Amino acid sequence: MKYSRLTKEQFEELHQEFINFLATQSITAEEWTNLKANKPELAEIELDVFSDLIWEGALNQVKYLEHISPKNIHLFALNEKHMHLIGISIKNGEDLTTKAGFNWLRNNLMNDDVEFVQAKKEYSNDSHLDKFKLIQQGAVITKGELYKYMNKLIN
């Protein structure tokens, strides 16, 4: 498996897509039940293949990622050949994961306790895996509103 298996909740959410996937494999509902009961290792392979297909499709579509921790915000624009990072760090007692901390940042962007950095990184041979690793580290897929705002502000 290239990425990671979807969670039970994700499989439930993608129930119809999974049925369609099994149909493309010529596996009926009855055969799937039989496969799970009598050849669980083959059922596991099907779950992994489906998971990778879903991840591949999602990673193909993602354009922005965000990772917010108590003292740092990492905003990623995922371009075709590279990713662009806007990093924001705060040096005071605020916690950016709280509403109060985020409001403090919004009202004090030019404060000496706020530091901005930018970086550009070329993808490895597998841009999807690069994106997936960021998600595994806690980044979430976004529409990029915060990235666009900060990019306009500092550039």
N, C-alpha and C. Protein backbone atom coordinates (compact mmCIF):
# COMPACT_ATOMS: atom_id res chain seq x y z
N MET A 1 0.84 -1.17 0.00
CA MET A 1 0.00 0.00 0.00
C MET A 1 0.89 1.24 0.00
N LYS A 2 0.52 2.21 -0.83
CA LYS A 2 1.34 3.41 -0.98
C LYS A 2 1.05 4.45 0.12
N TYR A 3 -0.20 4.61 0.49
CA TYR A 3 -0.57 5.62 1.47
C TYR A 3 -0.97 4.94 2.78
N SER A 4 -2.19 5.14 3.22
CA SER A 4 -2.66 4.43 4.41
C SER A 4 -4.11 4.02 4.18
N ARG A 5 -4.51 3.00 4.91
CA ARG A 5 -5.88 2.53 4.76
C ARG A 5 -6.84 3.57 5.32
N LEU A 6 -7.94 3.74 4.64
CA LEU A 6 -8.98 4.64 5.12
C LEU A 6 -9.51 4.14 6.46
N THR A 7 -10.01 5.06 7.24
CA THR A 7 -10.60 4.68 8.53
C THR A 7 -11.98 4.06 8.30
N LYS A 8 -12.49 3.44 9.33
CA LYS A 8 -13.83 2.86 9.25
C LYS A 8 -14.85 3.93 8.87
N GLU A 9 -14.71 5.11 9.47
CA GLU A 9 -15.62 6.22 9.18
C GLU A 9 -15.52 6.66 7.72
N GLN A 10 -14.29 6.71 7.20
CA GLN A 10 -14.11 7.09 5.80
C GLN A 10 -14.71 6.04 4.86
N PHE A 11 -14.52 4.77 5.19
CA PHE A 11 -15.14 3.71 4.38
C PHE A 11 -16.66 3.84 4.41
N GLU A 12 -17.22 4.13 5.58
CA GLU A 12 -18.67 4.29 5.68
C GLU A 12 -19.14 5.45 4.82
N GLU A 13 -18.39 6.54 4.85
CA GLU A 13 -18.73 7.72 4.06
C GLU A 13 -18.64 7.43 2.56
N LEU A 14 -17.72 6.55 2.18
CA LEU A 14 -17.50 6.21 0.77
C LEU A 14 -18.11 4.85 0.42
N HIS A 15 -19.14 4.47 1.13
CA HIS A 15 -19.76 3.16 0.95
C HIS A 15 -20.15 2.90 -0.51
N GLN A 16 -20.84 3.86 -1.15
CA GLN A 16 -21.29 3.66 -2.53
C GLN A 16 -20.09 3.58 -3.49
N GLU A 17 -19.08 4.39 -3.25
CA GLU A 17 -17.88 4.34 -4.10
C GLU A 17 -17.19 2.99 -3.97
N PHE A 18 -17.19 2.44 -2.74
CA PHE A 18 -16.57 1.13 -2.54
C PHE A 18 -17.36 0.05 -3.26
N ILE A 19 -18.67 0.14 -3.21
CA ILE A 19 -19.51 -0.83 -3.95
C ILE A 19 -19.19 -0.75 -5.45
N ASN A 20 -19.07 0.48 -5.96
CA ASN A 20 -18.73 0.66 -7.38
C ASN A 20 -17.35 0.09 -7.69
N PHE A 21 -16.41 0.31 -6.77
CA PHE A 21 -15.06 -0.24 -6.94
C PHE A 21 -15.10 -1.76 -7.02
N LEU A 22 -15.83 -2.38 -6.09
CA LEU A 22 -15.95 -3.85 -6.11
C LEU A 22 -16.60 -4.31 -7.41
N ALA A 23 -17.58 -3.56 -7.89
CA ALA A 23 -18.24 -3.92 -9.15
C ALA A 23 -17.25 -3.89 -10.31
N THR A 24 -16.33 -2.91 -10.30
CA THR A 24 -15.33 -2.87 -11.38
C THR A 24 -14.38 -4.06 -11.30
N GLN A 25 -14.29 -4.66 -10.11
CA GLN A 25 -13.47 -5.85 -9.91
C GLN A 25 -14.30 -7.13 -10.13
N SER A 26 -15.56 -6.95 -10.57
CA SER A 26 -16.52 -8.05 -10.76
C SER A 26 -16.76 -8.83 -9.47
N ILE A 27 -16.82 -8.10 -8.36
CA ILE A 27 -17.09 -8.72 -7.05
C ILE A 27 -18.48 -8.29 -6.60
N THR A 28 -19.38 -9.25 -6.45
CA THR A 28 -20.74 -8.96 -5.99
C THR A 28 -20.75 -8.84 -4.47
N ALA A 29 -21.88 -8.37 -3.93
CA ALA A 29 -22.02 -8.25 -2.47
C ALA A 29 -21.86 -9.62 -1.81
N GLU A 30 -22.43 -10.64 -2.42
CA GLU A 30 -22.32 -12.00 -1.87
C GLU A 30 -20.87 -12.48 -1.90
N GLU A 31 -20.19 -12.20 -3.01
CA GLU A 31 -18.78 -12.61 -3.12
C GLU A 31 -17.92 -11.85 -2.11
N TRP A 32 -18.24 -10.57 -1.88
CA TRP A 32 -17.48 -9.78 -0.92
C TRP A 32 -17.64 -10.35 0.49
N THR A 33 -18.86 -10.71 0.86
CA THR A 33 -19.11 -11.32 2.17
C THR A 33 -18.33 -12.62 2.30
N ASN A 34 -18.35 -13.42 1.26
CA ASN A 34 -17.61 -14.69 1.23
C ASN A 34 -16.10 -14.44 1.33
N LEU A 35 -15.62 -13.45 0.60
CA LEU A 35 -14.19 -13.11 0.60
C LEU A 35 -13.73 -12.70 2.00
N LYS A 36 -14.51 -11.86 2.66
CA LYS A 36 -14.16 -11.41 4.02
C LYS A 36 -14.13 -12.59 4.99
N ALA A 37 -15.06 -13.50 4.82
CA ALA A 37 -15.15 -14.63 5.75
C ALA A 37 -14.09 -15.70 5.49
N ASN A 38 -13.83 -15.99 4.22
CA ASN A 38 -12.98 -17.13 3.88
C ASN A 38 -11.58 -16.79 3.39
N LYS A 39 -11.39 -15.59 2.90
CA LYS A 39 -10.07 -15.17 2.42
C LYS A 39 -9.82 -13.73 2.87
N PRO A 40 -9.71 -13.54 4.19
CA PRO A 40 -9.58 -12.17 4.70
C PRO A 40 -8.34 -11.44 4.16
N GLU A 41 -7.29 -12.17 3.85
CA GLU A 41 -6.09 -11.51 3.32
C GLU A 41 -6.37 -10.88 1.96
N LEU A 42 -7.20 -11.51 1.14
CA LEU A 42 -7.59 -10.93 -0.15
C LEU A 42 -8.52 -9.74 0.05
N ALA A 43 -9.40 -9.83 1.02
CA ALA A 43 -10.29 -8.70 1.33
C ALA A 43 -9.45 -7.50 1.78
N GLU A 44 -8.43 -7.77 2.58
CA GLU A 44 -7.54 -6.70 3.04
C GLU A 44 -6.86 -6.02 1.86
N ILE A 45 -6.43 -6.80 0.88
CA ILE A 45 -5.78 -6.23 -0.31
C ILE A 45 -6.75 -5.32 -1.05
N GLU A 46 -8.00 -5.75 -1.18
CA GLU A 46 -9.01 -4.93 -1.86
C GLU A 46 -9.22 -3.60 -1.11
N LEU A 47 -9.27 -3.67 0.22
CA LEU A 47 -9.43 -2.45 1.03
C LEU A 47 -8.25 -1.51 0.82
N ASP A 48 -7.05 -2.07 0.76
CA ASP A 48 -5.85 -1.26 0.57
C ASP A 48 -5.82 -0.62 -0.82
N VAL A 49 -6.18 -1.38 -1.84
CA VAL A 49 -6.18 -0.85 -3.21
C VAL A 49 -7.20 0.29 -3.31
N PHE A 50 -8.39 0.08 -2.74
CA PHE A 50 -9.41 1.12 -2.76
C PHE A 50 -8.91 2.37 -2.01
N SER A 51 -8.31 2.18 -0.86
CA SER A 51 -7.78 3.30 -0.08
C SER A 51 -6.78 4.11 -0.90
N ASP A 52 -5.86 3.41 -1.55
CA ASP A 52 -4.86 4.11 -2.37
C ASP A 52 -5.51 4.88 -3.52
N LEU A 53 -6.53 4.30 -4.12
CA LEU A 53 -7.23 5.00 -5.21
C LEU A 53 -7.89 6.29 -4.70
N ILE A 54 -8.51 6.21 -3.54
CA ILE A 54 -9.16 7.39 -2.97
C ILE A 54 -8.12 8.45 -2.63
N TRP A 55 -7.03 8.04 -1.98
CA TRP A 55 -5.97 8.99 -1.64
C TRP A 55 -5.38 9.62 -2.90
N GLU A 56 -5.14 8.81 -3.91
CA GLU A 56 -4.56 9.33 -5.16
C GLU A 56 -5.46 10.40 -5.76
N GLY A 57 -6.76 10.13 -5.79
CA GLY A 57 -7.71 11.11 -6.32
C GLY A 57 -7.73 12.38 -5.50
N ALA A 58 -7.74 12.24 -4.19
CA ALA A 58 -7.77 13.42 -3.31
C ALA A 58 -6.49 14.23 -3.45
N LEU A 59 -5.35 13.56 -3.46
CA LEU A 59 -4.06 14.25 -3.54
C LEU A 59 -3.87 14.93 -4.90
N ASN A 60 -4.52 14.40 -5.90
CA ASN A 60 -4.46 14.99 -7.23
C ASN A 60 -5.21 16.33 -7.26
N GLN A 61 -6.22 16.46 -6.40
CA GLN A 61 -7.07 17.66 -6.37
C GLN A 61 -6.60 18.73 -5.39
N VAL A 62 -5.86 18.34 -4.36
CA VAL A 62 -5.52 19.29 -3.29
C VAL A 62 -4.58 20.39 -3.81
N LYS A 63 -4.91 21.62 -3.43
CA LYS A 63 -4.11 22.78 -3.84
C LYS A 63 -3.49 23.52 -2.65
N TYR A 64 -4.10 23.35 -1.45
CA TYR A 64 -3.60 24.06 -0.27
C TYR A 64 -3.67 23.15 0.94
N LEU A 65 -2.68 23.30 1.82
CA LEU A 65 -2.65 22.60 3.10
C LEU A 65 -2.32 23.62 4.18
N GLU A 66 -2.83 23.37 5.39
CA GLU A 66 -2.51 24.20 6.55
C GLU A 66 -2.15 23.30 7.71
N HIS A 67 -1.17 23.75 8.48
CA HIS A 67 -0.87 23.06 9.73
C HIS A 67 -0.71 24.14 10.80
N ILE A 68 -1.59 24.08 11.79
CA ILE A 68 -1.58 25.08 12.87
C ILE A 68 -1.24 24.38 14.17
N SER A 69 -0.20 24.88 14.83
CA SER A 69 0.19 24.38 16.14
C SER A 69 0.19 25.58 17.10
N PRO A 70 0.43 25.37 18.38
CA PRO A 70 0.32 26.49 19.33
C PRO A 70 1.17 27.72 18.97
N LYS A 71 2.35 27.53 18.43
CA LYS A 71 3.24 28.67 18.16
C LYS A 71 3.53 28.91 16.68
N ASN A 72 3.02 28.03 15.80
CA ASN A 72 3.36 28.14 14.37
C ASN A 72 2.16 27.86 13.48
N ILE A 73 2.16 28.54 12.34
CA ILE A 73 1.21 28.24 11.26
C ILE A 73 2.04 28.00 10.01
N HIS A 74 1.78 26.86 9.36
CA HIS A 74 2.44 26.56 8.09
C HIS A 74 1.35 26.48 7.02
N LEU A 75 1.45 27.35 6.03
CA LEU A 75 0.48 27.43 4.95
C LEU A 75 1.18 27.02 3.66
N PHE A 76 0.64 26.01 2.99
CA PHE A 76 1.26 25.48 1.79
C PHE A 76 0.38 25.70 0.57
N ALA A 77 0.97 26.23 -0.49
CA ALA A 77 0.34 26.26 -1.80
C ALA A 77 1.03 25.16 -2.60
N LEU A 78 0.24 24.23 -3.11
CA LEU A 78 0.80 23.07 -3.80
C LEU A 78 0.71 23.29 -5.30
N ASN A 79 1.77 23.81 -5.84
CA ASN A 79 1.83 24.10 -7.27
C ASN A 79 2.19 22.84 -8.05
N GLU A 80 2.24 22.96 -9.35
CA GLU A 80 2.49 21.78 -10.17
C GLU A 80 3.87 21.16 -9.94
N LYS A 81 4.91 22.00 -9.85
CA LYS A 81 6.26 21.47 -9.74
C LYS A 81 6.90 21.66 -8.36
N HIS A 82 6.27 22.49 -7.53
CA HIS A 82 6.84 22.76 -6.21
C HIS A 82 5.74 23.18 -5.24
N MET A 83 6.12 23.23 -3.98
CA MET A 83 5.21 23.78 -2.98
C MET A 83 5.81 25.07 -2.43
N HIS A 84 4.94 26.01 -2.11
CA HIS A 84 5.36 27.27 -1.52
C HIS A 84 4.83 27.31 -0.09
N LEU A 85 5.70 27.63 0.84
CA LEU A 85 5.35 27.68 2.25
C LEU A 85 5.37 29.12 2.75
N ILE A 86 4.35 29.48 3.48
CA ILE A 86 4.37 30.69 4.29
C ILE A 86 4.32 30.20 5.73
N GLY A 87 5.36 30.52 6.48
CA GLY A 87 5.42 30.12 7.87
C GLY A 87 5.24 31.33 8.77
N ILE A 88 4.45 31.18 9.79
CA ILE A 88 4.21 32.25 10.76
C ILE A 88 4.51 31.67 12.14
N SER A 89 5.38 32.37 12.87
CA SER A 89 5.72 31.96 14.23
C SER A 89 5.43 33.11 15.17
N ILE A 90 4.99 32.76 16.38
CA ILE A 90 4.83 33.79 17.40
C ILE A 90 5.73 33.45 18.59
N LYS A 91 6.22 34.50 19.22
CA LYS A 91 7.20 34.31 20.30
C LYS A 91 6.64 34.68 21.67
N ASN A 92 5.33 34.92 21.76
CA ASN A 92 4.78 35.30 23.06
C ASN A 92 3.98 34.13 23.65
N GLY A 93 3.16 34.38 24.64
CA GLY A 93 2.42 33.33 25.34
C GLY A 93 1.12 32.91 24.68
N GLU A 94 0.79 33.47 23.53
CA GLU A 94 -0.47 33.12 22.86
C GLU A 94 -0.40 31.71 22.29
N ASP A 95 -1.58 31.11 22.11
CA ASP A 95 -1.71 29.77 21.54
C ASP A 95 -2.57 29.90 20.28
N LEU A 96 -1.96 29.69 19.12
CA LEU A 96 -2.65 29.88 17.84
C LEU A 96 -3.76 28.86 17.59
N THR A 97 -3.80 27.79 18.37
CA THR A 97 -4.86 26.79 18.17
C THR A 97 -6.15 27.19 18.90
N THR A 98 -6.10 28.31 19.64
CA THR A 98 -7.30 28.80 20.32
C THR A 98 -7.84 30.00 19.56
N LYS A 99 -9.12 30.27 19.77
CA LYS A 99 -9.74 31.44 19.12
C LYS A 99 -9.06 32.73 19.58
N ALA A 100 -8.79 32.81 20.87
CA ALA A 100 -8.16 34.02 21.42
C ALA A 100 -6.76 34.22 20.82
N GLY A 101 -5.99 33.15 20.73
CA GLY A 101 -4.65 33.25 20.16
C GLY A 101 -4.67 33.63 18.69
N PHE A 102 -5.59 33.04 17.95
CA PHE A 102 -5.69 33.36 16.53
C PHE A 102 -6.16 34.81 16.34
N ASN A 103 -7.10 35.25 17.18
CA ASN A 103 -7.54 36.66 17.11
C ASN A 103 -6.39 37.60 17.45
N TRP A 104 -5.57 37.21 18.45
CA TRP A 104 -4.41 38.04 18.77
C TRP A 104 -3.52 38.19 17.53
N LEU A 105 -3.25 37.08 16.85
CA LEU A 105 -2.42 37.13 15.65
C LEU A 105 -3.04 38.05 14.61
N ARG A 106 -4.31 37.88 14.37
CA ARG A 106 -4.99 38.68 13.35
C ARG A 106 -4.87 40.18 13.66
N ASN A 107 -4.93 40.54 14.93
CA ASN A 107 -4.88 41.94 15.32
C ASN A 107 -3.45 42.47 15.49
N ASN A 108 -2.45 41.58 15.45
CA ASN A 108 -1.07 41.99 15.74
C ASN A 108 -0.08 41.45 14.70
N LEU A 109 -0.48 41.37 13.46
CA LEU A 109 0.39 40.79 12.42
C LEU A 109 1.74 41.49 12.30
N MET A 110 1.79 42.77 12.61
CA MET A 110 3.05 43.51 12.46
C MET A 110 3.80 43.65 13.79
N ASN A 111 3.36 42.93 14.80
CA ASN A 111 4.01 42.95 16.11
C ASN A 111 5.38 42.27 16.01
N ASP A 112 6.33 42.71 16.84
CA ASP A 112 7.67 42.13 16.85
C ASP A 112 7.66 40.66 17.28
N ASP A 113 6.59 40.22 17.94
CA ASP A 113 6.48 38.82 18.36
C ASP A 113 6.02 37.90 17.23
N VAL A 114 5.75 38.46 16.06
CA VAL A 114 5.29 37.68 14.92
C VAL A 114 6.38 37.65 13.85
N GLU A 115 6.73 36.46 13.41
CA GLU A 115 7.78 36.30 12.40
C GLU A 115 7.22 35.54 11.20
N PHE A 116 7.51 36.05 10.01
CA PHE A 116 7.09 35.40 8.76
C PHE A 116 8.31 34.85 8.04
N VAL A 117 8.17 33.68 7.45
CA VAL A 117 9.19 33.12 6.57
C VAL A 117 8.49 32.56 5.34
N GLN A 118 9.23 32.49 4.27
CA GLN A 118 8.72 31.87 3.04
C GLN A 118 9.77 30.91 2.52
N ALA A 119 9.29 29.86 1.88
CA ALA A 119 10.22 28.90 1.28
C ALA A 119 9.53 28.23 0.09
N LYS A 120 10.36 27.80 -0.81
CA LYS A 120 9.89 27.04 -1.97
C LYS A 120 10.63 25.71 -1.97
N LYS A 121 9.90 24.64 -2.19
CA LYS A 121 10.52 23.32 -2.20
C LYS A 121 10.03 22.55 -3.41
N GLU A 122 10.99 22.02 -4.16
CA GLU A 122 10.63 21.17 -5.29
C GLU A 122 10.13 19.84 -4.74
N TYR A 123 9.21 19.23 -5.45
CA TYR A 123 8.73 17.92 -5.05
C TYR A 123 9.81 16.87 -5.31
N SER A 124 9.70 15.77 -4.60
CA SER A 124 10.55 14.61 -4.90
C SER A 124 9.99 13.98 -6.18
N ASN A 125 10.37 12.76 -6.46
CA ASN A 125 9.84 12.08 -7.65
C ASN A 125 8.35 11.80 -7.54
N ASP A 126 7.77 11.90 -6.36
CA ASP A 126 6.37 11.59 -6.14
C ASP A 126 5.69 12.72 -5.36
N SER A 127 5.12 13.67 -6.08
CA SER A 127 4.50 14.83 -5.43
C SER A 127 3.32 14.42 -4.55
N HIS A 128 2.59 13.39 -4.94
CA HIS A 128 1.47 12.93 -4.12
C HIS A 128 1.95 12.42 -2.77
N LEU A 129 3.04 11.70 -2.76
CA LEU A 129 3.57 11.19 -1.51
C LEU A 129 4.09 12.34 -0.63
N ASP A 130 4.68 13.35 -1.25
CA ASP A 130 5.12 14.54 -0.50
C ASP A 130 3.93 15.20 0.20
N LYS A 131 2.83 15.35 -0.53
CA LYS A 131 1.62 15.96 0.04
C LYS A 131 1.05 15.07 1.15
N PHE A 132 1.03 13.77 0.90
CA PHE A 132 0.49 12.82 1.87
C PHE A 132 1.28 12.87 3.18
N LYS A 133 2.59 12.99 3.08
CA LYS A 133 3.42 13.05 4.29
C LYS A 133 3.07 14.28 5.13
N LEU A 134 2.78 15.41 4.48
CA LEU A 134 2.37 16.60 5.22
C LEU A 134 1.05 16.37 5.94
N ILE A 135 0.13 15.68 5.27
CA ILE A 135 -1.15 15.36 5.89
C ILE A 135 -0.94 14.43 7.07
N GLN A 136 -0.07 13.44 6.91
CA GLN A 136 0.23 12.51 8.00
C GLN A 136 0.82 13.24 9.20
N GLN A 137 1.52 14.35 8.95
CA GLN A 137 2.13 15.13 10.03
C GLN A 137 1.15 16.12 10.66
N GLY A 138 -0.09 16.13 10.17
CA GLY A 138 -1.10 16.97 10.79
C GLY A 138 -1.67 18.08 9.93
N ALA A 139 -1.17 18.26 8.72
CA ALA A 139 -1.72 19.29 7.84
C ALA A 139 -3.12 18.88 7.38
N VAL A 140 -3.95 19.88 7.14
CA VAL A 140 -5.31 19.62 6.66
C VAL A 140 -5.50 20.31 5.31
N ILE A 141 -6.33 19.71 4.49
CA ILE A 141 -6.64 20.26 3.17
C ILE A 141 -7.58 21.44 3.35
N THR A 142 -7.27 22.56 2.68
CA THR A 142 -8.12 23.75 2.77
C THR A 142 -8.35 24.32 1.37
N LYS A 143 -9.16 25.37 1.35
CA LYS A 143 -9.40 26.10 0.09
C LYS A 143 -8.37 27.20 -0.12
N GLY A 144 -7.51 27.42 0.86
CA GLY A 144 -6.41 28.36 0.71
C GLY A 144 -6.71 29.79 1.07
N GLU A 145 -7.82 30.06 1.74
CA GLU A 145 -8.14 31.45 2.07
C GLU A 145 -7.07 32.10 2.93
N LEU A 146 -6.61 31.41 3.97
CA LEU A 146 -5.60 31.98 4.86
C LEU A 146 -4.27 32.15 4.12
N TYR A 147 -3.90 31.15 3.30
CA TYR A 147 -2.67 31.27 2.51
C TYR A 147 -2.75 32.50 1.60
N LYS A 148 -3.84 32.65 0.88
CA LYS A 148 -3.98 33.78 -0.07
C LYS A 148 -3.93 35.11 0.66
N TYR A 149 -4.58 35.19 1.82
CA TYR A 149 -4.57 36.43 2.60
C TYR A 149 -3.15 36.78 3.04
N MET A 150 -2.45 35.80 3.60
CA MET A 150 -1.09 36.06 4.10
C MET A 150 -0.13 36.32 2.93
N ASN A 151 -0.31 35.63 1.84
CA ASN A 151 0.55 35.83 0.67
C ASN A 151 0.40 37.27 0.16
N LYS A 152 -0.82 37.75 0.09
CA LYS A 152 -1.09 39.12 -0.35
C LYS A 152 -0.49 40.11 0.63
N LEU A 153 -0.59 39.80 1.91
CA LEU A 153 -0.10 40.70 2.95
C LEU A 153 1.41 40.85 2.91
N ILE A 154 2.14 39.76 2.70
CA ILE A 154 3.61 39.85 2.82
C ILE A 154 4.33 39.97 1.48
N ASN A 155 3.64 39.82 0.39
CA ASN A 155 4.32 39.93 -0.92
C ASN A 155 3.87 41.15 -1.71
